[in-house]
C-alpha atoms as a PDB file:
ATOM      1  CA  UNK A   1      25.614  20.442 -22.567  1.00  0.00           C
ATOM      2  CA  UNK A   2      23.696  17.461 -21.152  1.00  0.00           C
ATOM      3  CA  UNK A   3      21.562  14.509 -22.254  1.00  0.00           C
ATOM      4  CA  UNK A   4      18.300  16.314 -21.453  1.00  0.00           C
ATOM      5  CA  UNK A   5      18.311  19.076 -24.063  1.00  0.00           C
ATOM      6  CA  UNK A   6      14.860  20.388 -23.134  1.00  0.00           C
ATOM      7  CA  UNK A   7      15.897  20.953 -19.536  1.00  0.00           C
ATOM      8  CA  UNK A   8      19.050  22.820 -20.588  1.00  0.00           C
ATOM      9  CA  UNK A   9      17.199  25.044 -23.063  1.00  0.00           C
ATOM     10  CA  UNK A  10      14.638  25.879 -20.372  1.00  0.00           C
ATOM     11  CA  UNK A  11      17.277  26.612 -17.717  1.00  0.00           C
ATOM     12  CA  UNK A  12      19.458  28.555 -20.148  1.00  0.00           C
ATOM     13  CA  UNK A  13      16.525  30.636 -21.330  1.00  0.00           C
ATOM     14  CA  UNK A  14      15.578  31.529 -17.773  1.00  0.00           C
ATOM     15  CA  UNK A  15      19.200  32.291 -16.853  1.00  0.00           C
ATOM     16  CA  UNK A  16      19.606  34.365 -20.012  1.00  0.00           C
ATOM     17  CA  UNK A  17      16.589  36.452 -19.061  1.00  0.00           C
ATOM     18  CA  UNK A  18      17.891  36.866 -15.545  1.00  0.00           C
ATOM     19  CA  UNK A  19      21.550  37.573 -16.289  1.00  0.00           C
ATOM     20  CA  UNK A  20      21.529  38.953 -19.800  1.00  0.00           C
ATOM     21  CA  UNK A  21      24.827  37.343 -20.784  1.00  0.00           C
ATOM     22  CA  UNK A  22      26.055  34.077 -22.309  1.00  0.00           C
ATOM     23  CA  UNK A  23      29.161  33.785 -20.069  1.00  0.00           C
ATOM     24  CA  UNK A  24      27.067  34.015 -16.940  1.00  0.00           C
ATOM     25  CA  UNK A  25      24.699  31.368 -18.311  1.00  0.00           C
ATOM     26  CA  UNK A  26      27.538  28.901 -18.851  1.00  0.00           C
ATOM     27  CA  UNK A  27      29.133  29.698 -15.507  1.00  0.00           C
ATOM     28  CA  UNK A  28      25.854  29.288 -13.579  1.00  0.00           C
ATOM     29  CA  UNK A  29      24.890  26.149 -15.484  1.00  0.00           C
ATOM     30  CA  UNK A  30      28.320  24.532 -15.022  1.00  0.00           C
ATOM     31  CA  UNK A  31      28.212  25.060 -11.254  1.00  0.00           C
ATOM     32  CA  UNK A  32      24.627  23.794 -11.028  1.00  0.00           C
ATOM     33  CA  UNK A  33      25.277  20.781 -13.256  1.00  0.00           C
ATOM     34  CA  UNK A  34      28.494  19.784 -11.451  1.00  0.00           C
ATOM     35  CA  UNK A  35      26.717  19.804  -8.094  1.00  0.00           C
ATOM     36  CA  UNK A  36      23.893  17.507  -9.241  1.00  0.00           C
ATOM     37  CA  UNK A  37      25.314  15.296 -12.008  1.00  0.00           C
ATOM     38  CA  UNK A  38      26.780  12.680  -9.655  1.00  0.00           C
ATOM     39  CA  UNK A  39      23.503  12.363  -7.753  1.00  0.00           C
ATOM     40  CA  UNK A  40      21.226  12.202 -10.779  1.00  0.00           C
ATOM     41  CA  UNK A  41      19.306   8.931 -10.863  1.00  0.00           C
ATOM     42  CA  UNK A  42      16.443   7.652 -12.913  1.00  0.00           C
ATOM     43  CA  UNK A  43      13.279   5.885 -11.905  1.00  0.00           C
ATOM     44  CA  UNK A  44      13.323   2.171 -12.607  1.00  0.00           C
ATOM     45  CA  UNK A  45      10.481  -0.305 -13.015  1.00  0.00           C
ATOM     46  CA  UNK A  46      10.678  -4.036 -12.471  1.00  0.00           C
ATOM     47  CA  UNK A  47       7.643  -5.425 -14.217  1.00  0.00           C
ATOM     48  CA  UNK A  48       5.459  -8.193 -12.838  1.00  0.00           C
ATOM     49  CA  UNK A  49       6.999 -11.514 -13.809  1.00  0.00           C
ATOM     50  CA  UNK A  50      10.564 -10.140 -13.766  1.00  0.00           C
ATOM     51  CA  UNK A  51      11.092 -10.558 -10.015  1.00  0.00           C
ATOM     52  CA  UNK A  52      13.385 -13.277  -8.687  1.00  0.00           C
ATOM     53  CA  UNK A  53      11.334 -16.012  -6.992  1.00  0.00           C
ATOM     54  CA  UNK A  54      12.842 -18.650  -4.697  1.00  0.00           C
ATOM     55  CA  UNK A  55      12.010 -20.966  -1.841  1.00  0.00           C
ATOM     56  CA  UNK A  56      12.882 -19.633   1.596  1.00  0.00           C
ATOM     57  CA  UNK A  57      16.019 -21.080   3.162  1.00  0.00           C
ATOM     58  CA  UNK A  58      15.218 -24.299   5.068  1.00  0.00           C
ATOM     59  CA  UNK A  59      17.765 -23.320   7.722  1.00  0.00           C
ATOM     60  CA  UNK A  60      15.573 -20.356   8.698  1.00  0.00           C
ATOM     61  CA  UNK A  61      12.036 -21.521   7.822  1.00  0.00           C
ATOM     62  CA  UNK A  62       9.919 -24.559   8.649  1.00  0.00           C
ATOM     63  CA  UNK A  63       7.477 -25.622   5.946  1.00  0.00           C
ATOM     64  CA  UNK A  64       7.215 -24.075   2.505  1.00  0.00           C
ATOM     65  CA  UNK A  65       7.570 -20.337   2.029  1.00  0.00           C
ATOM     66  CA  UNK A  66       8.118 -18.638  -1.322  1.00  0.00           C
ATOM     67  CA  UNK A  67      10.068 -15.374  -1.473  1.00  0.00           C
ATOM     68  CA  UNK A  68       9.570 -12.933  -4.345  1.00  0.00           C
ATOM     69  CA  UNK A  69      12.318 -10.302  -4.251  1.00  0.00           C
ATOM     70  CA  UNK A  70      10.816  -6.900  -5.095  1.00  0.00           C
ATOM     71  CA  UNK A  71      13.813  -4.596  -4.704  1.00  0.00           C
ATOM     72  CA  UNK A  72      17.196  -4.692  -3.033  1.00  0.00           C
ATOM     73  CA  UNK A  73      19.190  -2.135  -1.132  1.00  0.00           C
ATOM     74  CA  UNK A  74      21.559  -0.029  -3.206  1.00  0.00           C
ATOM     75  CA  UNK A  75      24.448   2.265  -2.344  1.00  0.00           C
ATOM     76  CA  UNK A  76      21.975   5.177  -2.394  1.00  0.00           C
ATOM     77  CA  UNK A  77      19.147   3.506  -0.469  1.00  0.00           C
ATOM     78  CA  UNK A  78      19.238   0.985   2.353  1.00  0.00           C
ATOM     79  CA  UNK A  79      15.721  -0.392   1.946  1.00  0.00           C
ATOM     80  CA  UNK A  80      14.800  -3.756   0.453  1.00  0.00           C
ATOM     81  CA  UNK A  81      11.479  -5.490  -0.021  1.00  0.00           C
ATOM     82  CA  UNK A  82      10.045  -8.912  -0.742  1.00  0.00           C
ATOM     83  CA  UNK A  83       6.732 -10.712  -0.880  1.00  0.00           C
ATOM     84  CA  UNK A  84       6.752 -13.831   1.278  1.00  0.00           C
ATOM     85  CA  UNK A  85       3.994 -16.418   0.892  1.00  0.00           C
ATOM     86  CA  UNK A  86       3.772 -19.034   3.644  1.00  0.00           C
ATOM     87  CA  UNK A  87       1.865 -22.243   3.017  1.00  0.00           C
ATOM     88  CA  UNK A  88      -0.370 -23.342   5.930  1.00  0.00           C
ATOM     89  CA  UNK A  89       1.770 -23.986   9.011  1.00  0.00           C
ATOM     90  CA  UNK A  90       4.961 -22.579   7.460  1.00  0.00           C
ATOM     91  CA  UNK A  91       6.881 -20.163   9.686  1.00  0.00           C
ATOM     92  CA  UNK A  92      10.217 -18.521  10.346  1.00  0.00           C
ATOM     93  CA  UNK A  93      12.744 -19.425  12.979  1.00  0.00           C
ATOM     94  CA  UNK A  94      13.289 -16.945  15.781  1.00  0.00           C
ATOM     95  CA  UNK A  95      15.209 -14.000  14.331  1.00  0.00           C
ATOM     96  CA  UNK A  96      15.864 -10.284  14.640  1.00  0.00           C
ATOM     97  CA  UNK A  97      16.637  -7.525  12.164  1.00  0.00           C
ATOM     98  CA  UNK A  98      19.633  -5.265  12.641  1.00  0.00           C
ATOM     99  CA  UNK A  99      17.724  -2.205  11.370  1.00  0.00           C
ATOM    100  CA  UNK A 100      14.176  -3.442  11.968  1.00  0.00           C
ATOM    101  CA  UNK A 101      11.503  -4.685   9.568  1.00  0.00           C
ATOM    102  CA  UNK A 102       7.941  -3.870   8.561  1.00  0.00           C
ATOM    103  CA  UNK A 103       5.492  -6.585   7.504  1.00  0.00           C
ATOM    104  CA  UNK A 104       2.349  -5.695   5.570  1.00  0.00           C
ATOM    105  CA  UNK A 105      -0.023  -8.658   5.541  1.00  0.00           C
ATOM    106  CA  UNK A 106      -1.730  -8.808   2.142  1.00  0.00           C
ATOM    107  CA  UNK A 107      -3.568 -12.131   2.222  1.00  0.00           C
ATOM    108  CA  UNK A 108      -4.565 -14.942   4.552  1.00  0.00           C
ATOM    109  CA  UNK A 109      -4.122 -15.418   8.261  1.00  0.00           C
ATOM    110  CA  UNK A 110      -0.905 -15.699  10.229  1.00  0.00           C
ATOM    111  CA  UNK A 111       0.677 -15.316  13.632  1.00  0.00           C
ATOM    112  CA  UNK A 112       3.640 -13.496  15.095  1.00  0.00           C
ATOM    113  CA  UNK A 113       5.335 -13.259  18.456  1.00  0.00           C
ATOM    114  CA  UNK A 114       8.252 -11.311  19.868  1.00  0.00           C
ATOM    115  CA  UNK A 115      10.367 -12.733  22.664  1.00  0.00           C
ATOM    116  CA  UNK A 116       8.416 -12.818  25.959  1.00  0.00           C
ATOM    117  CA  UNK A 117       5.359 -11.397  24.184  1.00  0.00           C
ATOM    118  CA  UNK A 118       1.981 -12.935  23.402  1.00  0.00           C
ATOM    119  CA  UNK A 119       1.296 -14.799  20.162  1.00  0.00           C
ATOM    120  CA  UNK A 120      -0.759 -12.403  18.004  1.00  0.00           C
ATOM    121  CA  UNK A 121      -2.989 -13.185  15.027  1.00  0.00           C
ATOM    122  CA  UNK A 122      -2.323 -11.144  11.869  1.00  0.00           C
ATOM    123  CA  UNK A 123      -4.643 -10.784   8.877  1.00  0.00           C
ATOM    124  CA  UNK A 124      -4.750  -9.000   5.534  1.00  0.00           C
ATOM    125  CA  UNK A 125      -4.351  -5.256   6.063  1.00  0.00           C
ATOM    126  CA  UNK A 126      -2.414  -5.578   9.331  1.00  0.00           C
ATOM    127  CA  UNK A 127       1.047  -4.021   9.625  1.00  0.00           C
ATOM    128  CA  UNK A 128       3.673  -5.453  11.963  1.00  0.00           C
ATOM    129  CA  UNK A 129       6.589  -3.193  12.937  1.00  0.00           C
ATOM    130  CA  UNK A 130       9.578  -5.167  14.227  1.00  0.00           C
ATOM    131  CA  UNK A 131      12.019  -2.757  15.902  1.00  0.00           C
ATOM    132  CA  UNK A 132      15.774  -3.268  15.469  1.00  0.00           C
ATOM    133  CA  UNK A 133      17.194  -6.163  17.470  1.00  0.00           C
ATOM    134  CA  UNK A 134      13.837  -7.549  18.703  1.00  0.00           C
ATOM    135  CA  UNK A 135      13.774 -11.352  18.532  1.00  0.00           C
ATOM    136  CA  UNK A 136      10.553 -12.589  16.888  1.00  0.00           C
ATOM    137  CA  UNK A 137       8.959 -15.054  14.470  1.00  0.00           C
ATOM    138  CA  UNK A 138       6.029 -14.984  12.025  1.00  0.00           C
ATOM    139  CA  UNK A 139       4.183 -17.473   9.859  1.00  0.00           C
ATOM    140  CA  UNK A 140       0.902 -18.791   8.478  1.00  0.00           C
ATOM    141  CA  UNK A 141      -2.022 -20.215  10.393  1.00  0.00           C
ATOM    142  CA  UNK A 142      -2.187 -24.010  10.513  1.00  0.00           C
ATOM    143  CA  UNK A 143      -5.148 -24.084   8.115  1.00  0.00           C
ATOM    144  CA  UNK A 144      -4.530 -20.961   6.007  1.00  0.00           C
ATOM    145  CA  UNK A 145      -1.706 -19.573   3.901  1.00  0.00           C
ATOM    146  CA  UNK A 146      -0.447 -16.060   4.654  1.00  0.00           C
ATOM    147  CA  UNK A 147       1.294 -13.544   2.440  1.00  0.00           C
ATOM    148  CA  UNK A 148       3.080 -10.405   3.566  1.00  0.00           C
ATOM    149  CA  UNK A 149       5.311  -7.765   2.077  1.00  0.00           C
ATOM    150  CA  UNK A 150       8.509  -7.470   4.100  1.00  0.00           C
ATOM    151  CA  UNK A 151      10.406  -4.174   4.038  1.00  0.00           C
ATOM    152  CA  UNK A 152      13.723  -3.767   5.798  1.00  0.00           C
ATOM    153  CA  UNK A 153      17.015  -1.951   5.612  1.00  0.00           C
ATOM    154  CA  UNK A 154      20.588  -3.107   5.097  1.00  0.00           C
ATOM    155  CA  UNK A 155      23.947  -1.660   5.950  1.00  0.00           C
ATOM    156  CA  UNK A 156      27.339  -3.362   6.255  1.00  0.00           C
ATOM    157  CA  UNK A 157      25.955  -5.724   8.927  1.00  0.00           C
ATOM    158  CA  UNK A 158      23.727  -8.727   8.217  1.00  0.00           C
ATOM    159  CA  UNK A 159      20.115  -7.544   7.850  1.00  0.00           C
ATOM    160  CA  UNK A 160      18.828 -10.526   9.873  1.00  0.00           C
ATOM    161  CA  UNK A 161      20.258 -12.580  12.705  1.00  0.00           C
ATOM    162  CA  UNK A 162      18.785 -16.089  12.860  1.00  0.00           C
ATOM    163  CA  UNK A 163      18.297 -18.089  16.039  1.00  0.00           C
ATOM    164  CA  UNK A 164      16.679 -21.425  16.882  1.00  0.00           C
ATOM    165  CA  UNK A 165      14.010 -22.990  14.715  1.00  0.00           C
ATOM    166  CA  UNK A 166      10.522 -23.709  16.010  1.00  0.00           C
ATOM    167  CA  UNK A 167       9.392 -27.288  15.384  1.00  0.00           C
ATOM    168  CA  UNK A 168       6.039 -27.978  13.760  1.00  0.00           C
ATOM    169  CA  UNK A 169       4.675 -29.283  17.081  1.00  0.00           C
ATOM    170  CA  UNK A 170       5.956 -26.274  19.051  1.00  0.00           C
ATOM    171  CA  UNK A 171       4.401 -23.956  16.457  1.00  0.00           C
ATOM    172  CA  UNK A 172       1.050 -25.760  16.613  1.00  0.00           C
ATOM    173  CA  UNK A 173       1.128 -25.543  20.426  1.00  0.00           C
ATOM    174  CA  UNK A 174       1.891 -21.795  20.300  1.00  0.00           C
ATOM    175  CA  UNK A 175      -0.969 -21.110  17.883  1.00  0.00           C
ATOM    176  CA  UNK A 176      -3.458 -23.376  19.639  1.00  0.00           C
ATOM    177  CA  UNK A 177      -2.555 -21.758  22.957  1.00  0.00           C
ATOM    178  CA  UNK A 178      -3.112 -18.299  21.478  1.00  0.00           C
ATOM    179  CA  UNK A 179      -6.493 -19.340  20.037  1.00  0.00           C
ATOM    180  CA  UNK A 180      -7.660 -20.652  23.436  1.00  0.00           C
ATOM    181  CA  UNK A 181      -6.858 -17.286  25.051  1.00  0.00           C
ATOM    182  CA  UNK A 182      -9.051 -15.383  22.605  1.00  0.00           C
END
């Protein structure tokens, strides 16, 4: 009937006990199988070392940032994820995410700011939630690398909208200004 023989035998045995007839078993199983066959998926594993690794796009980042793609959106799921490692002083341009983004800082020290907001320090264990359409930036401290896991969603629109870059001097001024306030 299906590629998972054990499952069929188990379901057929239960249906046989419940209905007492072979025709009813086939009829019930056919209806059940037809409703779920198209949606049946399997778990997949991408093992460490198999992920695509690349440098972040210089049009959208200043300094060196390395992006390790973890998973991409599919037709069934809209979420995607990546590990982004920023070398000291590396940072994004101003940008927003059409469906929002979550950043989970896993190592180092960094900073983030949303438009008209204060520059905030972020450290390992911190989670940054960027709502849809909110213009913001994030990057590493001047003297420390920073790594985060980025999780977002995609639909038919671009997942990110990129705006102006922040120069190295502007970035240093933003961070130094934030440190003086604390």
